[in-house]
C-alpha cells in the first residue's frame, strides 16, 4: 500500500507527544530525540500516520512529507524528469524497515 505521511512542525516533542498520545489516542511508532524536546516522533492511529519534527529546520516554505511506496527509485526517476526534485531519495536512520526510503 502506498501512503503519504505528513511531517508537521512542533516546538516541543514532549508537549506534542502528550497531546497526540494521551489526548488523541495515537501510539508512538518511533522516537529519535536526545532530550525529549527536539528530534523526530512518529505517530500512528489506525491508518493515520504522522511525523512530528522539532525544530523543523531546513524546510523553509517547502512542503515536507514522507512517502511509503514499494519502489521509491521508480518514483524518483519518473518525477525527476518532470519536476525539479530538491534532493534524491535516501534512507534515514530513524526510518522504518530497510526497504522504506525517504524522499
Protein backbone atom coordinates (compact mmCIF):
# COMPACT_ATOMS: atom_id res chain seq x y z
CA UNK A 1 0.00 0.00 0.00
CA UNK A 2 1.31 3.44 -0.90
CA UNK A 3 1.00 6.19 1.68
CA UNK A 4 1.93 9.81 2.20
CA UNK A 5 2.85 10.74 5.76
CA UNK A 6 2.83 14.45 6.63
CA UNK A 7 5.71 15.83 8.63
CA UNK A 8 4.41 18.51 10.98
CA UNK A 9 6.45 21.11 12.88
CA UNK A 10 6.28 21.34 16.65
CA UNK A 11 8.12 23.43 19.22
CA UNK A 12 8.38 20.68 21.84
CA UNK A 13 8.16 16.92 21.19
CA UNK A 14 7.20 16.16 24.80
CA UNK A 15 4.21 18.52 24.71
CA UNK A 16 3.16 17.27 21.27
CA UNK A 17 3.60 13.64 22.35
CA UNK A 18 1.30 14.17 25.34
CA UNK A 19 -1.30 15.85 23.12
CA UNK A 20 -1.32 13.20 20.39
CA UNK A 21 -0.86 10.11 22.61
CA UNK A 22 -2.82 10.96 25.76
CA UNK A 23 -5.25 13.38 24.18
CA UNK A 24 -5.95 11.90 20.75
CA UNK A 25 -5.11 8.22 21.24
CA UNK A 26 -2.15 7.90 18.86
CA UNK A 27 0.67 5.46 19.59
CA UNK A 28 4.37 6.17 19.13
CA UNK A 29 5.96 4.23 16.25
CA UNK A 30 9.43 5.73 16.59
CA UNK A 31 11.19 8.44 18.56
CA UNK A 32 14.55 9.95 17.66
CA UNK A 33 15.39 12.50 20.34
CA UNK A 34 18.32 13.10 22.61
CA UNK A 35 16.50 15.38 25.01
CA UNK A 36 12.78 14.59 24.59
CA UNK A 37 12.10 18.11 23.30
CA UNK A 38 13.81 18.13 19.89
CA UNK A 39 14.03 15.47 17.20
CA UNK A 40 11.50 13.34 15.38
CA UNK A 41 8.45 11.49 16.62
CA UNK A 42 6.42 9.00 14.57
CA UNK A 43 2.77 8.52 15.47
CA UNK A 44 0.03 6.19 14.31
CA UNK A 45 -3.66 5.69 14.93
CA UNK A 46 -5.43 3.21 12.69
CA UNK A 47 -4.46 4.09 9.14
CA UNK A 48 -3.37 7.64 10.09
CA UNK A 49 0.39 8.24 10.35
CA UNK A 50 2.14 11.49 11.28
CA UNK A 51 5.71 12.51 11.88
CA UNK A 52 6.48 15.45 14.17
CA UNK A 53 9.72 17.41 13.72
CA UNK A 54 11.18 19.77 16.32
CA UNK A 55 12.56 22.16 15.30
CA UNK A 56 11.59 21.79 11.65
CA UNK A 57 14.80 23.36 10.29
CA UNK A 58 15.84 23.36 6.69
CA UNK A 59 12.44 23.09 5.06
CA UNK A 60 11.60 26.79 4.82
CA UNK A 61 8.38 27.18 2.88
CA UNK A 62 8.78 23.86 1.09
CA UNK A 63 6.30 21.12 1.84
CA UNK A 64 7.69 18.12 3.65
CA UNK A 65 6.21 14.64 3.53
CA UNK A 66 7.44 11.09 3.90
CA UNK A 67 6.33 8.69 1.18
CA UNK A 68 5.99 4.97 1.80
CA UNK A 69 5.93 3.22 -1.57
CA UNK A 70 7.09 -0.13 -2.96
CA UNK A 71 9.69 1.36 -5.36
CA UNK A 72 10.85 4.85 -4.42
CA UNK A 73 13.53 4.79 -7.12
CA UNK A 74 10.86 4.38 -9.81
CA UNK A 75 9.00 7.42 -8.49
CA UNK A 76 12.24 9.40 -8.35
CA UNK A 77 13.14 8.50 -11.93
CA UNK A 78 9.67 9.46 -13.16
CA UNK A 79 9.25 12.66 -11.16
CA UNK A 80 12.78 13.98 -11.68
CA UNK A 81 12.15 14.07 -15.45
CA UNK A 82 9.04 16.21 -14.88
CA UNK A 83 9.89 18.50 -11.96
CA UNK A 84 12.88 19.83 -10.03
CA UNK A 85 13.31 17.37 -7.15
CA UNK A 86 15.21 19.13 -4.37
CA UNK A 87 17.07 16.01 -3.23
CA UNK A 88 17.18 12.33 -4.20
CA UNK A 89 15.65 9.60 -2.02
CA UNK A 90 17.69 8.44 0.95
CA UNK A 91 17.44 6.06 3.86
CA UNK A 92 17.11 7.79 7.21
CA UNK A 93 18.45 6.39 10.48
CA UNK A 94 15.02 6.83 12.09
CA UNK A 95 13.18 5.18 9.20
CA UNK A 96 11.10 2.07 9.05
CA UNK A 97 12.37 -1.24 7.63
CA UNK A 98 15.28 -1.07 5.20
CA UNK A 99 13.02 -1.29 2.14
CA UNK A 100 11.45 2.09 3.03
CA UNK A 101 13.23 5.19 1.85
CA UNK A 102 12.50 8.86 2.35
CA UNK A 103 12.15 11.30 -0.48
